[in-house]
Amino acid sequence: MQLFEVRTRPIPQGHLLIQMMIVNKDEAIEVLQSLELRNGNLELCLNDYSVHSFHRVPTYFFRMMSQYSDQELGTVNLRIGSTLHLERYAGHIGYGVHPTHRGHHYAARSVALLLPLARMQGIDPLWITCDPENAASRRSLEIAGAEFVEIVDVPETCGIRKFGGKLHKCRYRL
């Protein structure tokens, strides 16, 4: 059994940056056995479950795979927990579809497939963000059923900005 811990750190106005959680890796992976992570030719295959190196929360890392050709179509991850950073700037889900496989709604379908897992992990609402000028990502979120909430300014102190990210993020709720 592998356990890891993410600790809370208070920030101004009484918000918590990270909720305290101790995660049993074996139990987290076992939860997947009850889920159908397939849609058409798309299958989500668990690649890893660990603390995200940047966001510092337990994260399921999946490969988007073709059921018919064993080709990787892209990647998607589900970040467990709720932090101010996740909810406002990074989102609970991150995805990327390889350029040669775009246009088949793999991102939207992956988000829909991960929604039951997010709910099982107590994530409600599920927040997903994207860059305002990324029309394909925005469309993917709409196809997945996410509701556009707002565009927020990303603070200069945010790691997303520090590592070349955009000044603004669209926030979607599912």
C-alpha atoms as a PDB file:
ATOM      1  CA  MET A   1       0.000   0.000   0.000  1.00  0.00           C
ATOM      2  CA  GLN A   2       1.399   3.384  -0.970  1.00  0.00           C
ATOM      3  CA  LEU A   3       0.245   6.512   0.876  1.00  0.00           C
ATOM      4  CA  PHE A   4       1.131  10.091   0.219  1.00  0.00           C
ATOM      5  CA  GLU A   5      -0.013  13.279   1.858  1.00  0.00           C
ATOM      6  CA  VAL A   6      -0.799  16.778   0.670  1.00  0.00           C
ATOM      7  CA  ARG A   7      -0.882  19.403   3.431  1.00  0.00           C
ATOM      8  CA  THR A   8      -2.911  22.579   3.787  1.00  0.00           C
ATOM      9  CA  ARG A   9      -1.391  26.013   3.899  1.00  0.00           C
ATOM     10  CA  PRO A  10      -3.467  29.025   5.034  1.00  0.00           C
ATOM     11  CA  ILE A  11      -3.639  32.073   2.798  1.00  0.00           C
ATOM     12  CA  PRO A  12      -5.275  35.506   3.390  1.00  0.00           C
ATOM     13  CA  GLN A  13      -9.051  35.799   3.836  1.00  0.00           C
ATOM     14  CA  GLY A  14      -9.228  32.354   5.453  1.00  0.00           C
ATOM     15  CA  HIS A  15      -9.057  30.367   2.205  1.00  0.00           C
ATOM     16  CA  LEU A  16      -7.104  27.142   2.145  1.00  0.00           C
ATOM     17  CA  LEU A  17      -4.608  26.623  -0.621  1.00  0.00           C
ATOM     18  CA  ILE A  18      -4.822  22.834  -0.463  1.00  0.00           C
ATOM     19  CA  GLN A  19      -7.211  20.601   1.436  1.00  0.00           C
ATOM     20  CA  MET A  20      -5.585  18.009   3.665  1.00  0.00           C
ATOM     21  CA  MET A  21      -5.744  14.612   2.079  1.00  0.00           C
ATOM     22  CA  ILE A  22      -4.016  11.314   2.559  1.00  0.00           C
ATOM     23  CA  VAL A  23      -4.331   9.168  -0.515  1.00  0.00           C
ATOM     24  CA  ASN A  24      -3.991   5.406  -0.778  1.00  0.00           C
ATOM     25  CA  LYS A  25      -2.655   4.804  -4.276  1.00  0.00           C
ATOM     26  CA  ASP A  26      -3.958   1.232  -4.429  1.00  0.00           C
ATOM     27  CA  GLU A  27      -7.478   2.331  -3.468  1.00  0.00           C
ATOM     28  CA  ALA A  28      -7.369   5.213  -5.945  1.00  0.00           C
ATOM     29  CA  ILE A  29      -6.502   2.813  -8.754  1.00  0.00           C
ATOM     30  CA  GLU A  30      -9.061   0.228  -7.589  1.00  0.00           C
ATOM     31  CA  VAL A  31     -11.823   2.826  -8.056  1.00  0.00           C
ATOM     32  CA  LEU A  32     -11.160   2.683 -11.800  1.00  0.00           C
ATOM     33  CA  GLN A  33     -12.244  -0.975 -11.996  1.00  0.00           C
ATOM     34  CA  SER A  34     -15.893   0.060 -11.646  1.00  0.00           C
ATOM     35  CA  LEU A  35     -15.748   2.599 -14.472  1.00  0.00           C
ATOM     36  CA  GLU A  36     -16.121   2.206 -18.204  1.00  0.00           C
ATOM     37  CA  LEU A  37     -13.415   4.450 -19.650  1.00  0.00           C
ATOM     38  CA  ARG A  38     -14.290   3.790 -23.301  1.00  0.00           C
ATOM     39  CA  ASN A  39     -16.275   5.701 -25.886  1.00  0.00           C
ATOM     40  CA  GLY A  40     -16.303   4.506 -29.489  1.00  0.00           C
ATOM     41  CA  ASN A  41     -12.702   3.920 -30.530  1.00  0.00           C
ATOM     42  CA  LEU A  42     -11.357   5.931 -27.549  1.00  0.00           C
ATOM     43  CA  GLU A  43     -10.104   4.241 -24.401  1.00  0.00           C
ATOM     44  CA  LEU A  44      -8.494   5.978 -21.429  1.00  0.00           C
ATOM     45  CA  CYS A  45      -5.602   3.896 -20.073  1.00  0.00           C
ATOM     46  CA  LEU A  46      -4.113   4.759 -16.700  1.00  0.00           C
ATOM     47  CA  ASN A  47      -0.467   5.706 -17.072  1.00  0.00           C
ATOM     48  CA  ASP A  48       0.214   6.851 -13.497  1.00  0.00           C
ATOM     49  CA  TYR A  49      -1.349   8.019 -10.271  1.00  0.00           C
ATOM     50  CA  SER A  50       0.890  10.349  -8.299  1.00  0.00           C
ATOM     51  CA  VAL A  51       1.220  13.870  -6.938  1.00  0.00           C
ATOM     52  CA  HIS A  52       1.285  16.297  -9.872  1.00  0.00           C
ATOM     53  CA  SER A  53       4.753  17.817 -10.054  1.00  0.00           C
ATOM     54  CA  PHE A  54       3.442  21.345 -10.655  1.00  0.00           C
ATOM     55  CA  HIS A  55       0.000  21.501  -9.051  1.00  0.00           C
ATOM     56  CA  ARG A  56       0.975  19.390  -6.006  1.00  0.00           C
ATOM     57  CA  VAL A  57      -2.264  17.404  -5.809  1.00  0.00           C
ATOM     58  CA  PRO A  58      -2.917  13.672  -6.348  1.00  0.00           C
ATOM     59  CA  THR A  59      -3.479  13.152 -10.060  1.00  0.00           C
ATOM     60  CA  TYR A  60      -4.673  10.388 -12.369  1.00  0.00           C
ATOM     61  CA  PHE A  61      -2.625  10.481 -15.599  1.00  0.00           C
ATOM     62  CA  PHE A  62      -4.213   8.754 -18.602  1.00  0.00           C
ATOM     63  CA  ARG A  63      -3.222   8.053 -22.175  1.00  0.00           C
ATOM     64  CA  MET A  64      -5.974   8.509 -24.758  1.00  0.00           C
ATOM     65  CA  MET A  65      -5.663   5.315 -26.805  1.00  0.00           C
ATOM     66  CA  SER A  66      -7.289   3.989 -29.944  1.00  0.00           C
ATOM     67  CA  GLN A  67      -8.964   0.654 -29.163  1.00  0.00           C
ATOM     68  CA  TYR A  68      -8.329  -0.485 -32.717  1.00  0.00           C
ATOM     69  CA  SER A  69      -4.722   0.433 -33.442  1.00  0.00           C
ATOM     70  CA  ASP A  70      -2.881   0.811 -30.109  1.00  0.00           C
ATOM     71  CA  GLN A  71      -2.026   4.375 -31.131  1.00  0.00           C
ATOM     72  CA  GLU A  72      -1.789   7.070 -28.480  1.00  0.00           C
ATOM     73  CA  LEU A  73      -4.190   9.852 -29.429  1.00  0.00           C
ATOM     74  CA  GLY A  74      -3.265  12.248 -26.615  1.00  0.00           C
ATOM     75  CA  THR A  75      -3.158  12.547 -22.833  1.00  0.00           C
ATOM     76  CA  VAL A  76      -5.570  13.659 -20.127  1.00  0.00           C
ATOM     77  CA  ASN A  77      -5.244  14.014 -16.379  1.00  0.00           C
ATOM     78  CA  LEU A  78      -7.641  14.434 -13.482  1.00  0.00           C
ATOM     79  CA  ARG A  79      -6.324  16.417 -10.520  1.00  0.00           C
ATOM     80  CA  ILE A  80      -7.905  15.400  -7.223  1.00  0.00           C
ATOM     81  CA  GLY A  81      -8.674  18.031  -4.615  1.00  0.00           C
ATOM     82  CA  SER A  82      -9.697  21.640  -4.643  1.00  0.00           C
ATOM     83  CA  THR A  83      -7.274  24.490  -4.452  1.00  0.00           C
ATOM     84  CA  LEU A  84      -7.687  28.119  -5.381  1.00  0.00           C
ATOM     85  CA  HIS A  85      -5.089  27.592  -8.122  1.00  0.00           C
ATOM     86  CA  LEU A  86      -6.913  24.588  -9.604  1.00  0.00           C
ATOM     87  CA  GLU A  87     -10.355  26.127  -9.471  1.00  0.00           C
ATOM     88  CA  ARG A  88      -9.390  29.495 -10.937  1.00  0.00           C
ATOM     89  CA  TYR A  89      -6.412  28.944 -13.240  1.00  0.00           C
ATOM     90  CA  ALA A  90      -5.380  25.328 -13.877  1.00  0.00           C
ATOM     91  CA  GLY A  91      -8.611  23.334 -13.665  1.00  0.00           C
ATOM     92  CA  HIS A  92      -9.227  19.818 -12.395  1.00  0.00           C
ATOM     93  CA  ILE A  93      -8.672  18.351 -15.865  1.00  0.00           C
ATOM     94  CA  GLY A  94      -5.849  18.955 -18.303  1.00  0.00           C
ATOM     95  CA  TYR A  95      -5.717  17.431 -21.784  1.00  0.00           C
ATOM     96  CA  GLY A  96      -3.834  17.485 -25.040  1.00  0.00           C
ATOM     97  CA  VAL A  97      -4.660  15.704 -28.285  1.00  0.00           C
ATOM     98  CA  HIS A  98      -1.783  14.915 -30.647  1.00  0.00           C
ATOM     99  CA  PRO A  99      -2.034  17.077 -33.811  1.00  0.00           C
ATOM    100  CA  THR A 100      -2.576  14.122 -36.165  1.00  0.00           C
ATOM    101  CA  HIS A 101      -5.629  13.014 -34.155  1.00  0.00           C
ATOM    102  CA  ARG A 102      -7.447  16.302 -33.690  1.00  0.00           C
ATOM    103  CA  GLY A 103     -10.991  16.810 -34.941  1.00  0.00           C
ATOM    104  CA  HIS A 104     -12.481  13.597 -33.491  1.00  0.00           C
ATOM    105  CA  HIS A 105     -13.696  15.048 -30.155  1.00  0.00           C
ATOM    106  CA  TYR A 106     -11.196  12.992 -28.133  1.00  0.00           C
ATOM    107  CA  ALA A 107     -10.761  15.774 -25.564  1.00  0.00           C
ATOM    108  CA  ALA A 108     -14.529  16.255 -25.110  1.00  0.00           C
ATOM    109  CA  ARG A 109     -15.098  12.516 -24.890  1.00  0.00           C
ATOM    110  CA  SER A 110     -12.249  12.125 -22.380  1.00  0.00           C
ATOM    111  CA  VAL A 111     -13.693  14.847 -20.161  1.00  0.00           C
ATOM    112  CA  ALA A 112     -17.092  13.134 -20.238  1.00  0.00           C
ATOM    113  CA  LEU A 113     -15.502   9.776 -19.391  1.00  0.00           C
ATOM    114  CA  LEU A 114     -13.660  11.268 -16.399  1.00  0.00           C
ATOM    115  CA  LEU A 115     -16.693  13.046 -14.927  1.00  0.00           C
ATOM    116  CA  PRO A 116     -17.952   9.969 -12.975  1.00  0.00           C
ATOM    117  CA  LEU A 117     -14.468   9.471 -11.508  1.00  0.00           C
ATOM    118  CA  ALA A 118     -14.331  13.127 -10.491  1.00  0.00           C
ATOM    119  CA  ARG A 119     -17.711  12.821  -8.779  1.00  0.00           C
ATOM    120  CA  MET A 120     -16.598   9.637  -6.997  1.00  0.00           C
ATOM    121  CA  GLN A 121     -13.622  11.628  -5.695  1.00  0.00           C
ATOM    122  CA  GLY A 122     -15.944  14.365  -4.364  1.00  0.00           C
ATOM    123  CA  ILE A 123     -15.182  16.950  -7.038  1.00  0.00           C
ATOM    124  CA  ASP A 124     -18.366  18.922  -7.646  1.00  0.00           C
ATOM    125  CA  PRO A 125     -18.253  21.249  -9.405  1.00  0.00           C
ATOM    126  CA  LEU A 126     -15.471  20.199 -11.741  1.00  0.00           C
ATOM    127  CA  TRP A 127     -13.507  23.191 -13.050  1.00  0.00           C
ATOM    128  CA  ILE A 128     -11.697  23.162 -16.393  1.00  0.00           C
ATOM    129  CA  THR A 129      -9.785  26.085 -17.834  1.00  0.00           C
ATOM    130  CA  CYS A 130      -8.370  26.947 -21.230  1.00  0.00           C
ATOM    131  CA  ASP A 131      -6.820  29.887 -23.007  1.00  0.00           C
ATOM    132  CA  PRO A 132      -9.442  32.300 -24.386  1.00  0.00           C
ATOM    133  CA  GLU A 133      -8.001  32.173 -27.918  1.00  0.00           C
ATOM    134  CA  ASN A 134      -8.031  28.345 -28.028  1.00  0.00           C
ATOM    135  CA  ALA A 135     -11.286  27.919 -29.936  1.00  0.00           C
ATOM    136  CA  ALA A 136     -10.857  24.138 -30.282  1.00  0.00           C
ATOM    137  CA  SER A 137     -10.472  23.651 -26.535  1.00  0.00           C
ATOM    138  CA  ARG A 138     -13.428  25.916 -25.813  1.00  0.00           C
ATOM    139  CA  ARG A 139     -15.539  23.930 -28.273  1.00  0.00           C
ATOM    140  CA  SER A 140     -14.387  20.651 -26.707  1.00  0.00           C
ATOM    141  CA  LEU A 141     -15.566  21.827 -23.301  1.00  0.00           C
ATOM    142  CA  GLU A 142     -18.929  22.880 -24.700  1.00  0.00           C
ATOM    143  CA  ILE A 143     -19.347  19.498 -26.418  1.00  0.00           C
ATOM    144  CA  ALA A 144     -18.527  17.815 -23.085  1.00  0.00           C
ATOM    145  CA  GLY A 145     -21.393  19.790 -21.520  1.00  0.00           C
ATOM    146  CA  ALA A 146     -19.326  22.290 -19.551  1.00  0.00           C
ATOM    147  CA  GLU A 147     -20.778  25.724 -18.882  1.00  0.00           C
ATOM    148  CA  PHE A 148     -18.668  28.819 -19.578  1.00  0.00           C
ATOM    149  CA  VAL A 149     -18.486  30.906 -16.390  1.00  0.00           C
ATOM    150  CA  GLU A 150     -15.963  33.691 -16.933  1.00  0.00           C
ATOM    151  CA  ILE A 151     -12.563  34.823 -18.146  1.00  0.00           C
ATOM    152  CA  VAL A 152     -10.138  35.558 -15.313  1.00  0.00           C
ATOM    153  CA  ASP A 153      -6.831  37.379 -15.182  1.00  0.00           C
ATOM    154  CA  VAL A 154      -3.940  35.112 -14.230  1.00  0.00           C
ATOM    155  CA  PRO A 155      -1.838  36.847 -11.547  1.00  0.00           C
ATOM    156  CA  GLU A 156       1.828  37.526 -12.271  1.00  0.00           C
ATOM    157  CA  THR A 157       2.743  35.384  -9.255  1.00  0.00           C
ATOM    158  CA  CYS A 158       0.941  32.325 -10.654  1.00  0.00           C
ATOM    159  CA  GLY A 159       3.163  29.521 -11.911  1.00  0.00           C
ATOM    160  CA  ILE A 160       1.179  29.396 -15.147  1.00  0.00           C
ATOM    161  CA  ARG A 161       2.367  32.918 -15.985  1.00  0.00           C
ATOM    162  CA  LYS A 162       5.885  32.298 -14.691  1.00  0.00           C
ATOM    163  CA  PHE A 163       6.350  29.410 -17.112  1.00  0.00           C
ATOM    164  CA  GLY A 164       5.110  31.142 -20.253  1.00  0.00           C
ATOM    165  CA  GLY A 165       1.356  30.770 -19.813  1.00  0.00           C
ATOM    166  CA  LYS A 166      -1.275  33.211 -20.924  1.00  0.00           C
ATOM    167  CA  LEU A 167      -2.508  36.327 -19.113  1.00  0.00           C
ATOM    168  CA  HIS A 168      -6.121  35.101 -19.028  1.00  0.00           C
ATOM    169  CA  LYS A 169      -8.006  31.828 -18.586  1.00  0.00           C
ATOM    170  CA  CYS A 170     -11.546  30.822 -19.485  1.00  0.00           C
ATOM    171  CA  ARG A 171     -13.250  28.998 -16.624  1.00  0.00           C
ATOM    172  CA  TYR A 172     -15.769  26.261 -17.359  1.00  0.00           C
ATOM    173  CA  ARG A 173     -17.876  24.379 -14.840  1.00  0.00           C
ATOM    174  CA  LEU A 174     -19.183  20.850 -15.168  1.00  0.00           C
END
